[in-house]
C-alpha cells in the first residue's frame, strides 16, 4: 500500500520532502539571525559597560585627588605634620579620612618611609609599599599619580601627591577599598557581570579576583582561564569582545586594562552570559519548532488525504483497464468527480463500451465469415457513400429444391439445409470469400469485396 513505487508514497514523500526543506531553511535562517542579533546586542551592551566603568574609575580618581589636594592644602594638617609627633599626625589623618569617607590614608617621607598609616596605626618608620605610584608621581608634571594596589591582600584604588610646606616635604596617599559592592553597582547600571582581577608583577601567573558579581565557581573558572593564558604565554586580548567559557557556559567578554601605577597588572572583565541573552530567542526557537512540527504534521495529513484522493481513483481506473484487457466490459468506473480524473473515467467507460460493441460485431461476423476476414473488416474504415470495387460474385442453389422439399418433412429439410449451408460456407471461407446472404437454399458470396483479393476470380472459380 505504501511501497516506494506507489504513486501515493511518491507524492507523500515529495510533499513532505519539499516542506521539510523549506521549513528547515526558514528555521536555520531565523535561528542564525537571532543568534547574530543577540551577539550584536551583547557587544553593544559590553561597550556601554566599558564606557561606564571607565567613567566610574575616572570619577573615583577625581574624588580621591580632590580629597588629597584638600588635605595637602589644609593649614591645621601642616601644623600637625610639623610637630613630627606620630600620634598627632595619625590623629589628623584619621580625622580627615573620616571626613572624606576614605578607607585608607598614609603619610610618608620623600624617601618612602612611612610616617603614619591609618591601616596600621602602630606602624611607623617602615618602607611603604607604594613604590610604583611614588615613581609615577615623581615623573608627573603635577607630582600626582593613581592606581590599584593590594594592601594587606585587599585591593585599594589609591592616589598620591606631595605635601607642600611650602616645599614638597612628604607624600600623601588616600584611597578607597574596592569591594564586590563596586562591581555590583556597575552591574546594576549595565546589567552585566563585572570582575576585577589582579596579578602582581613578581608572580607572573597568580591571578586573583578581588571583586566580582560572578558566582564563586565561575570566578574560579575565570581565574583558570587567565592563568592558562599566562602559562601558555598568550597575550590577553583587551578592548575586544571575545568568547570565554565558564563551567561550560559561554560568556561574551570584554577585558579592559585599568591604567595606573599600582604594584601589578589589574584588569576589569566585563561579561554577559550568552545563554541568558539567548533565552528569549530560545523560547522563540521552541515556539518555531512547535509551529514547524505542527505545520509538517498538517502537511503530511493533507498530503496523505490528497494522495489518497488521487490514488484511489487511479487504482479504480487501473482495475477497470485490466478488466477491459481481460475482455470484461461489465465493470464501469463510477467517479463522481468534475476534474480531470472524472473526465478520464468517462473516457475509459466510453472506450470500454466501444470495445464491447466491436467484440460483439466481431462475434457476429465470425458466425458468417472467417475470423481472419472479420478482423480485416473491423480494421478497415467504412467509407460513406460506398466505393467502386471490382469483385466476383458466386451464386449457388439446389436444383429442383422446391419439388424436393414438397415430398419431405420440414425438420428433415432444416437439418439438410444446415449441413449443406455449413459445408458450402466452409468452402467459400477457405477461398477467402464473404457470404453476402442466404436466400433459402441459395447462397450469394463475394470475392474481392469487402476484402481485396488479387486473384478474386480464380478463388471464386475454385470455390465453385
Protein backbone atom coordinates (compact mmCIF):
# COMPACT_ATOMS: atom_id res chain seq x y z
CA UNK A 1 0.00 0.00 0.00
CA UNK A 2 2.83 2.37 0.83
CA UNK A 3 5.63 0.88 -1.28
CA UNK A 4 8.20 3.29 -2.63
CA UNK A 5 6.99 2.55 -6.17
CA UNK A 6 3.39 3.53 -5.42
CA UNK A 7 2.10 6.87 -6.61
CA UNK A 8 0.69 7.65 -3.17
CA UNK A 9 4.04 7.16 -1.44
CA UNK A 10 5.93 9.13 -4.06
CA UNK A 11 3.50 12.06 -3.77
CA UNK A 12 3.67 11.91 0.02
CA UNK A 13 7.47 11.86 0.02
CA UNK A 14 7.59 14.72 -2.49
CA UNK A 15 5.31 17.00 -0.47
CA UNK A 16 6.89 16.08 2.88
CA UNK A 17 10.41 16.46 1.46
CA UNK A 18 9.78 19.85 -0.11
CA UNK A 19 8.05 21.16 3.01
CA UNK A 20 10.80 19.82 5.26
CA UNK A 21 13.48 21.53 3.18
CA UNK A 22 11.56 24.84 3.23
CA UNK A 23 10.86 24.67 6.98
CA UNK A 24 14.45 23.67 7.76
CA UNK A 25 15.81 26.53 5.64
CA UNK A 26 13.50 29.05 7.34
CA UNK A 27 14.34 27.70 10.80
CA UNK A 28 18.10 27.80 10.20
CA UNK A 29 17.92 31.32 8.76
CA UNK A 30 15.77 32.66 11.64
CA UNK A 31 17.89 30.90 14.28
CA UNK A 32 21.10 32.25 12.76
CA UNK A 33 19.66 35.76 12.58
CA UNK A 34 18.52 35.54 16.22
CA UNK A 35 21.95 34.45 17.42
CA UNK A 36 23.69 37.17 15.43
CA UNK A 37 21.26 39.79 16.80
CA UNK A 38 21.84 38.51 20.34
CA UNK A 39 25.61 38.72 19.98
CA UNK A 40 25.39 42.18 18.45
CA UNK A 41 23.17 43.34 21.32
CA UNK A 42 25.59 41.90 23.88
CA UNK A 43 28.58 43.54 22.23
CA UNK A 44 26.80 46.90 22.32
CA UNK A 45 25.93 46.35 25.99
CA UNK A 46 29.52 45.47 26.85
CA UNK A 47 30.78 48.58 25.05
CA UNK A 48 28.37 50.63 27.14
CA UNK A 49 29.55 48.80 30.28
CA UNK A 50 33.17 49.55 29.39
CA UNK A 51 32.40 53.23 28.92
CA UNK A 52 30.51 53.36 32.23
CA UNK A 53 33.34 51.53 34.01
CA UNK A 54 35.92 54.00 32.73
CA UNK A 55 33.74 56.88 33.80
CA UNK A 56 33.29 55.42 37.30
CA UNK A 57 37.02 54.77 37.74
CA UNK A 58 37.82 58.29 36.49
CA UNK A 59 35.19 59.78 38.80
CA UNK A 60 36.60 57.93 41.82
CA UNK A 61 40.09 59.12 40.88
CA UNK A 62 38.87 62.71 40.68
CA UNK A 63 37.22 62.42 44.08
CA UNK A 64 40.39 60.98 45.61
CA UNK A 65 42.54 63.69 44.01
CA UNK A 66 40.27 66.43 45.35
CA UNK A 67 40.35 64.94 48.84
CA UNK A 68 44.14 64.57 48.71
CA UNK A 69 44.55 68.15 47.50
CA UNK A 70 42.21 69.31 50.25
CA UNK A 71 44.43 67.66 52.84
CA UNK A 72 47.62 68.90 51.18
CA UNK A 73 46.43 72.46 51.46
CA UNK A 74 45.00 72.13 54.96
CA UNK A 75 46.86 74.51 57.35
CA UNK A 76 45.96 72.55 60.50
CA UNK A 77 47.24 69.34 58.98
CA UNK A 78 50.51 71.01 58.02
CA UNK A 79 50.91 72.19 61.61
CA UNK A 80 50.27 68.63 62.83
CA UNK A 81 52.92 67.29 60.44
CA UNK A 82 55.35 69.97 61.61
CA UNK A 83 55.15 68.56 65.17
CA UNK A 84 56.73 65.30 63.88
CA UNK A 85 54.63 63.58 66.55
CA UNK A 86 53.33 60.22 65.29
CA UNK A 87 50.17 60.23 67.37
CA UNK A 88 49.29 63.79 66.35
CA UNK A 89 49.84 63.11 62.65
CA UNK A 90 47.91 59.81 62.82
CA UNK A 91 45.00 61.54 64.56
CA UNK A 92 44.93 64.24 61.88
CA UNK A 93 44.99 61.61 59.12
CA UNK A 94 42.22 59.59 60.78
CA UNK A 95 40.11 62.69 61.28
CA UNK A 96 40.49 63.71 57.64
CA UNK A 97 39.85 60.12 56.44
CA UNK A 98 36.57 60.02 58.31
CA UNK A 99 35.52 63.45 56.99
CA UNK A 100 36.10 62.50 53.35
CA UNK A 101 34.87 58.88 53.88
CA UNK A 102 38.07 57.32 52.57
CA UNK A 103 39.19 53.81 53.55
CA UNK A 104 42.90 54.44 53.97
CA UNK A 105 45.27 57.39 54.33
CA UNK A 106 49.05 57.37 54.60
CA UNK A 107 51.83 59.89 55.05
CA UNK A 108 55.40 59.05 54.09
CA UNK A 109 58.68 60.85 53.76
CA UNK A 110 60.01 61.80 50.34
CA UNK A 111 62.30 58.78 50.67
CA UNK A 112 59.32 56.47 51.07
CA UNK A 113 59.45 55.85 54.82
CA UNK A 114 56.01 55.63 56.45
CA UNK A 115 55.24 58.43 58.93
CA UNK A 116 51.65 57.39 59.68
CA UNK A 117 49.21 54.80 58.29
CA UNK A 118 45.52 54.53 59.23
CA UNK A 119 45.53 50.82 58.34
CA UNK A 120 48.41 50.20 60.74
CA UNK A 121 48.23 52.82 63.49
CA UNK A 122 51.24 51.37 65.31
CA UNK A 123 53.42 51.22 62.22
CA UNK A 124 55.98 53.94 61.62
CA UNK A 125 59.41 54.36 60.11
CA UNK A 126 58.88 51.49 57.67
CA UNK A 127 59.24 51.49 53.90
CA UNK A 128 55.81 51.91 52.40
CA UNK A 129 54.54 49.63 49.58
CA UNK A 130 53.62 52.35 47.05
CA UNK A 131 56.93 52.47 45.19
CA UNK A 132 55.47 52.40 41.69
CA UNK A 133 52.90 55.07 42.50
CA UNK A 134 55.67 57.19 44.04
CA UNK A 135 57.87 56.88 40.93
CA UNK A 136 54.94 57.70 38.67
CA UNK A 137 54.19 60.81 40.75
CA UNK A 138 57.83 61.89 40.58
CA UNK A 139 57.64 61.66 36.77
CA UNK A 140 54.33 63.51 36.59
CA UNK A 141 54.39 67.31 35.94
CA UNK A 142 51.89 67.82 38.77
CA UNK A 143 53.54 65.31 41.08
CA UNK A 144 50.39 63.13 41.19
CA UNK A 145 49.65 59.50 40.32
CA UNK A 146 46.90 56.91 40.78
CA UNK A 147 46.48 53.16 40.57
CA UNK A 148 45.07 49.99 42.11
CA UNK A 149 47.20 48.10 44.60
CA UNK A 150 46.79 45.35 47.17
CA UNK A 151 47.26 46.38 50.80
CA UNK A 152 47.17 43.52 53.27
CA UNK A 153 45.86 41.37 50.43
CA UNK A 154 42.93 43.69 49.74
CA UNK A 155 42.58 45.93 46.64
CA UNK A 156 42.53 49.71 47.01
CA UNK A 157 42.18 52.47 44.48
CA UNK A 158 44.86 54.96 45.54
CA UNK A 159 46.19 58.39 44.63
CA UNK A 160 49.34 60.03 45.98
CA UNK A 161 50.62 63.59 45.81
CA UNK A 162 53.26 65.66 47.67
CA UNK A 163 52.59 67.72 50.80
CA UNK A 164 53.89 71.27 50.30
CA UNK A 165 55.12 73.16 53.37
CA UNK A 166 55.67 75.20 51.17
CA UNK A 167 58.22 72.90 49.50
CA UNK A 168 57.42 69.18 49.00
CA UNK A 169 58.10 67.60 52.34
CA UNK A 170 56.15 64.33 52.34
CA UNK A 171 53.87 62.05 50.32
CA UNK A 172 50.14 61.91 50.99
CA UNK A 173 48.25 58.73 49.92
CA UNK A 174 44.48 58.33 50.07
CA UNK A 175 42.32 55.51 48.75
CA UNK A 176 39.03 53.65 48.54
CA UNK A 177 38.86 49.93 49.05
CA UNK A 178 37.45 48.06 46.04
CA UNK A 179 34.80 45.51 47.09
CA UNK A 180 32.07 43.49 45.45
CA UNK A 181 29.80 46.44 46.12
CA UNK A 182 31.65 48.45 43.46
CA UNK A 183 31.16 45.62 40.93
CA UNK A 184 27.51 45.18 41.87
CA UNK A 185 26.77 48.87 41.44
CA UNK A 186 28.31 48.79 37.99
CA UNK A 187 26.49 45.55 37.17
CA UNK A 188 23.16 47.10 38.21
CA UNK A 189 23.78 50.04 35.90
CA UNK A 190 24.69 47.94 32.86
CA UNK A 191 23.08 44.52 33.56
CA UNK A 192 26.48 42.88 33.05
CA UNK A 193 28.79 40.80 35.23
CA UNK A 194 31.86 42.72 36.34
CA UNK A 195 35.04 41.15 37.70
CA UNK A 196 38.25 42.90 38.77
CA UNK A 197 41.28 40.62 38.57
CA UNK A 198 44.83 41.41 39.70
CA UNK A 199 48.26 39.88 39.15
CA UNK A 200 51.41 41.05 40.98
CA UNK A 201 54.44 41.78 38.85
CA UNK A 202 56.65 39.41 40.82
CA UNK A 203 54.25 36.45 40.43
CA UNK A 204 53.52 36.20 36.74
CA UNK A 205 50.73 33.56 36.77
CA UNK A 206 48.99 34.15 40.10
CA UNK A 207 45.81 35.92 39.09
CA UNK A 208 43.35 36.78 41.85
CA UNK A 209 39.82 38.16 41.67
CA UNK A 210 39.21 40.84 44.27
CA UNK A 211 35.75 41.96 43.23
CA UNK A 212 33.16 40.14 41.09
CA UNK A 213 29.45 39.63 40.55
CA UNK A 214 30.01 36.10 39.23
CA UNK A 215 29.18 33.03 41.35
CA UNK A 216 32.17 31.59 43.20
CA UNK A 217 32.59 28.56 40.94
CA UNK A 218 32.61 30.68 37.82
CA UNK A 219 35.12 33.05 39.45
CA UNK A 220 37.47 30.08 39.80
CA UNK A 221 36.89 29.20 36.16
CA UNK A 222 37.72 32.78 35.12
CA UNK A 223 40.96 32.73 37.15
CA UNK A 224 41.90 29.42 35.50
CA UNK A 225 41.32 30.96 32.06
CA UNK A 226 43.73 33.84 32.76
CA UNK A 227 46.28 31.56 34.40
CA UNK A 228 46.24 29.23 31.37
CA UNK A 229 46.64 32.19 29.04
CA UNK A 230 49.63 33.40 31.05
CA UNK A 231 51.28 29.98 31.29
CA UNK A 232 50.82 29.49 27.53
CA UNK A 233 52.39 32.94 27.06
CA UNK A 234 49.35 34.09 25.09
CA UNK A 235 48.69 37.79 25.05
CA UNK A 236 45.43 38.53 26.81
CA UNK A 237 43.12 40.26 24.36
CA UNK A 238 41.82 43.58 25.62
CA UNK A 239 39.35 46.10 24.24
CA UNK A 240 37.87 43.39 22.00
CA UNK A 241 34.82 41.21 22.65
CA UNK A 242 35.76 37.54 22.92
CA UNK A 243 34.17 34.25 23.99
CA UNK A 244 35.18 32.88 27.40
CA UNK A 245 33.61 29.62 28.58
CA UNK A 246 32.98 29.43 32.33
CA UNK A 247 31.95 25.97 33.55
CA UNK A 248 30.50 25.11 30.16
CA UNK A 249 28.56 28.37 29.83
CA UNK A 250 29.69 30.75 27.07
CA UNK A 251 30.19 34.39 28.08
CA UNK A 252 30.80 37.28 25.75
CA UNK A 253 33.63 39.11 27.49
CA UNK A 254 35.38 42.45 27.17
CA UNK A 255 38.71 42.65 29.03
CA UNK A 256 39.80 46.16 29.90
CA UNK A 257 43.13 47.12 31.43
CA UNK A 258 42.94 49.55 34.31
CA UNK A 259 45.51 52.25 33.79
CA UNK A 260 47.57 53.10 36.79
CA UNK A 261 50.90 52.64 38.50
CA UNK A 262 49.95 50.00 41.03
CA UNK A 263 52.14 47.09 42.08
CA UNK A 264 50.98 44.64 39.36
CA UNK A 265 48.54 44.31 36.50
CA UNK A 266 44.84 44.93 37.10
CA UNK A 267 42.12 44.04 34.58
CA UNK A 268 38.40 44.59 34.51
CA UNK A 269 36.48 41.72 32.91
CA UNK A 270 33.02 42.76 31.70
CA UNK A 271 30.81 39.82 30.76
CA UNK A 272 27.34 38.84 29.60
CA UNK A 273 26.05 35.29 29.59
CA UNK A 274 25.24 34.23 26.05
CA UNK A 275 22.76 31.62 27.31
CA UNK A 276 20.89 34.22 29.37
CA UNK A 277 20.81 36.64 26.47
CA UNK A 278 19.55 33.90 24.15
CA UNK A 279 16.70 32.84 26.44
CA UNK A 280 14.08 34.94 24.59
CA UNK A 281 15.44 33.65 21.28
CA UNK A 282 15.49 30.08 22.61
CA UNK A 283 11.84 30.45 23.63
CA UNK A 284 11.12 31.77 20.14
CA UNK A 285 13.04 28.84 18.68
CA UNK A 286 10.98 26.39 20.75
CA UNK A 287 7.77 28.04 19.53
CA UNK A 288 9.08 27.90 15.96
CA UNK A 289 9.92 24.20 16.35
CA UNK A 290 6.42 23.50 17.65
CA UNK A 291 4.83 25.50 14.84
CA UNK A 292 7.07 23.85 12.24
CA UNK A 293 6.25 20.43 13.69
CA UNK A 294 2.52 21.17 13.59
CA UNK A 295 2.87 22.56 10.08
CA UNK A 296 4.74 19.46 8.94
CA UNK A 297 2.16 17.19 10.60
CA UNK A 298 -0.68 19.12 8.96
CA UNK A 299 1.14 18.95 5.62
CA UNK A 300 1.66 15.19 5.97
CA UNK A 301 -2.00 14.63 6.81
CA UNK A 302 -3.01 16.84 3.89
CA UNK A 303 -0.56 15.03 1.61
CA UNK A 304 -1.97 11.66 2.68
CA UNK A 305 -5.51 12.84 2.00
CA UNK A 306 -4.53 14.35 -1.36
CA UNK A 307 -2.56 11.25 -2.32
CA UNK A 308 -5.47 9.04 -1.30
CA UNK A 309 -7.96 11.18 -3.23
CA UNK A 310 -5.76 10.76 -6.32
CA UNK A 311 -4.54 7.20 -5.89
CA UNK A 312 -7.93 5.60 -5.19
CA UNK A 313 -9.49 6.81 -8.47
CA UNK A 314 -6.31 5.85 -10.32
CA UNK A 315 -6.40 2.39 -8.74
CA UNK A 316 -10.05 2.03 -9.76
CA UNK A 317 -9.21 3.10 -13.31
CA UNK A 318 -6.28 0.67 -13.35
CA UNK A 319 -8.51 -2.24 -12.26
CA UNK A 320 -11.08 -1.26 -14.87
CA UNK A 321 -8.47 -1.13 -17.65
CA UNK A 322 -7.13 -4.51 -16.54
CA UNK A 323 -10.67 -5.93 -16.68
CA UNK A 324 -11.13 -4.49 -20.17
CA UNK A 325 -7.82 -6.01 -21.21
CA UNK A 326 -9.14 -9.37 -19.96
CA UNK A 327 -12.32 -8.90 -22.03
CA UNK A 328 -14.64 -7.99 -19.12
CA UNK A 329 -16.66 -4.89 -20.04
CA UNK A 330 -19.23 -5.16 -17.26
CA UNK A 331 -17.34 -3.12 -14.60
CA UNK A 332 -17.57 0.59 -15.46
CA UNK A 333 -15.76 3.14 -13.28
CA UNK A 334 -18.11 5.35 -11.27
CA UNK A 335 -16.25 8.51 -10.15
CA UNK A 336 -18.33 11.45 -9.02
CA UNK A 337 -15.67 13.99 -9.84
CA UNK A 338 -15.66 17.05 -12.05
CA UNK A 339 -11.90 17.26 -12.51
CA UNK A 340 -9.51 15.61 -14.96
CA UNK A 341 -9.92 12.23 -13.26
CA UNK A 342 -13.68 12.43 -13.78
CA UNK A 343 -13.12 13.21 -17.46
CA UNK A 344 -10.67 10.33 -17.72
CA UNK A 345 -13.11 7.89 -16.11
CA UNK A 346 -15.81 8.89 -18.61
CA UNK A 347 -13.36 8.37 -21.46
CA UNK A 348 -12.41 4.91 -20.11
CA UNK A 349 -16.07 3.95 -19.80
CA UNK A 350 -16.74 5.18 -23.32
CA UNK A 351 -13.75 3.21 -24.59
CA UNK A 352 -14.98 0.12 -22.78
CA UNK A 353 -18.39 0.45 -24.38
CA UNK A 354 -16.83 0.86 -27.84
CA UNK A 355 -14.61 -2.16 -27.34
CA UNK A 356 -17.58 -4.19 -26.17
CA UNK A 357 -19.55 -3.25 -29.30
CA UNK A 358 -16.55 -4.06 -31.51
CA UNK A 359 -16.24 -7.50 -29.98
CA UNK A 360 -19.94 -8.10 -30.44
CA UNK A 361 -19.68 -7.14 -34.10
CA UNK A 362 -16.64 -9.38 -34.49
CA UNK A 363 -18.51 -12.23 -32.87
CA UNK A 364 -21.44 -11.72 -35.24
CA UNK A 365 -19.18 -11.52 -38.28
CA UNK A 366 -17.36 -14.58 -37.11
CA UNK A 367 -20.56 -16.52 -37.50
CA UNK A 368 -20.79 -15.80 -41.23
CA UNK A 369 -17.23 -15.18 -42.27
CA UNK A 370 -13.86 -16.47 -41.18
CA UNK A 371 -12.25 -14.81 -38.13
CA UNK A 372 -9.45 -13.54 -40.38
CA UNK A 373 -11.92 -11.75 -42.66
CA UNK A 374 -13.83 -10.44 -39.66
CA UNK A 375 -10.64 -8.91 -38.28
CA UNK A 376 -9.84 -7.39 -41.67
CA UNK A 377 -13.31 -5.90 -41.91
CA UNK A 378 -13.05 -4.38 -38.42
CA UNK A 379 -9.65 -2.88 -39.22
CA UNK A 380 -10.91 -1.10 -42.32
CA UNK A 381 -12.77 2.12 -42.03
CA UNK A 382 -16.23 2.42 -43.55
CA UNK A 383 -16.41 4.99 -46.34
CA UNK A 384 -19.72 6.85 -46.52
CA UNK A 385 -21.41 6.63 -49.96
CA UNK A 386 -19.68 3.36 -50.80
CA UNK A 387 -16.73 2.80 -53.08
CA UNK A 388 -16.06 1.38 -56.52
CA UNK A 389 -14.59 -2.11 -56.37
CA UNK A 390 -14.11 -4.93 -58.94
CA UNK A 391 -15.40 -8.10 -57.38
CA UNK A 392 -16.51 -11.61 -58.34
CA UNK A 393 -19.89 -12.89 -57.14
CA UNK A 394 -20.73 -16.55 -56.72
CA UNK A 395 -24.38 -17.65 -56.78
CA UNK A 396 -25.40 -21.18 -55.94
CA UNK A 397 -28.60 -23.03 -55.15
CA UNK A 398 -30.00 -26.57 -55.10
CA UNK A 399 -31.56 -27.68 -58.36
CA UNK A 400 -35.30 -28.51 -58.05
CA UNK A 401 -35.18 -27.68 -54.33
CA UNK A 402 -38.85 -26.72 -54.22
CA UNK A 403 -40.12 -30.04 -55.52
CA UNK A 404 -37.57 -31.79 -53.29
CA UNK A 405 -38.99 -30.09 -50.22
CA UNK A 406 -42.62 -30.94 -51.07
CA UNK A 407 -42.02 -34.67 -50.52
CA UNK A 408 -40.17 -34.36 -47.13
CA UNK A 409 -40.70 -33.38 -43.52
CA UNK A 410 -39.72 -29.74 -42.65
CA UNK A 411 -37.39 -30.93 -39.86
CA UNK A 412 -35.52 -33.11 -42.27
CA UNK A 413 -35.29 -30.21 -44.73
CA UNK A 414 -33.89 -27.96 -41.96
CA UNK A 415 -31.22 -30.50 -41.00
CA UNK A 416 -30.30 -30.94 -44.62
CA UNK A 417 -30.00 -27.17 -45.20
CA UNK A 418 -27.81 -26.74 -42.08
CA UNK A 419 -25.43 -29.44 -43.27
CA UNK A 420 -25.48 -28.13 -46.82
CA UNK A 421 -25.03 -24.41 -45.98
CA UNK A 422 -22.36 -25.22 -43.39
CA UNK A 423 -20.32 -27.19 -45.87
CA UNK A 424 -20.76 -24.56 -48.58
CA UNK A 425 -19.75 -21.79 -46.16
CA UNK A 426 -16.59 -23.66 -45.20
CA UNK A 427 -15.57 -23.94 -48.85
CA UNK A 428 -16.27 -20.25 -49.57
CA UNK A 429 -14.37 -19.11 -46.47
CA UNK A 430 -11.48 -21.39 -47.37
CA UNK A 431 -11.14 -19.43 -50.62
CA UNK A 432 -11.38 -16.02 -48.85
CA UNK A 433 -14.94 -15.33 -49.91
CA UNK A 434 -17.51 -13.41 -47.92
CA UNK A 435 -21.11 -14.73 -47.79
CA UNK A 436 -23.36 -11.81 -48.51
CA UNK A 437 -26.67 -13.57 -47.84
CA UNK A 438 -28.55 -16.83 -47.66
CA UNK A 439 -31.75 -16.98 -49.73
CA UNK A 440 -33.40 -20.20 -48.72
CA UNK A 441 -31.17 -22.79 -50.32
CA UNK A 442 -29.34 -20.16 -52.38
CA UNK A 443 -26.03 -18.50 -51.40
CA UNK A 444 -24.60 -15.19 -52.61
CA UNK A 445 -20.84 -14.89 -51.93
CA UNK A 446 -18.39 -12.08 -52.72
CA UNK A 447 -14.73 -12.46 -53.69
CA UNK A 448 -12.63 -9.26 -53.69
CA UNK A 449 -15.10 -7.28 -51.58
CA UNK A 450 -15.13 -6.02 -48.98
CA UNK A 451 -11.66 -7.56 -48.52
CA UNK A 452 -9.48 -7.04 -51.59
CA UNK A 453 -8.10 -10.14 -53.33
CA UNK A 454 -5.63 -10.05 -56.18
CA UNK A 455 -6.96 -13.37 -57.58
CA UNK A 456 -10.64 -12.99 -56.74
CA UNK A 457 -11.97 -14.61 -59.97
CA UNK A 458 -9.65 -17.59 -59.57
CA UNK A 459 -10.70 -18.07 -55.92
CA UNK A 460 -14.39 -17.85 -56.88
CA UNK A 461 -13.99 -20.47 -59.65
CA UNK A 462 -12.08 -22.79 -57.30
CA UNK A 463 -14.73 -22.35 -54.63
CA UNK A 464 -17.47 -23.11 -57.22
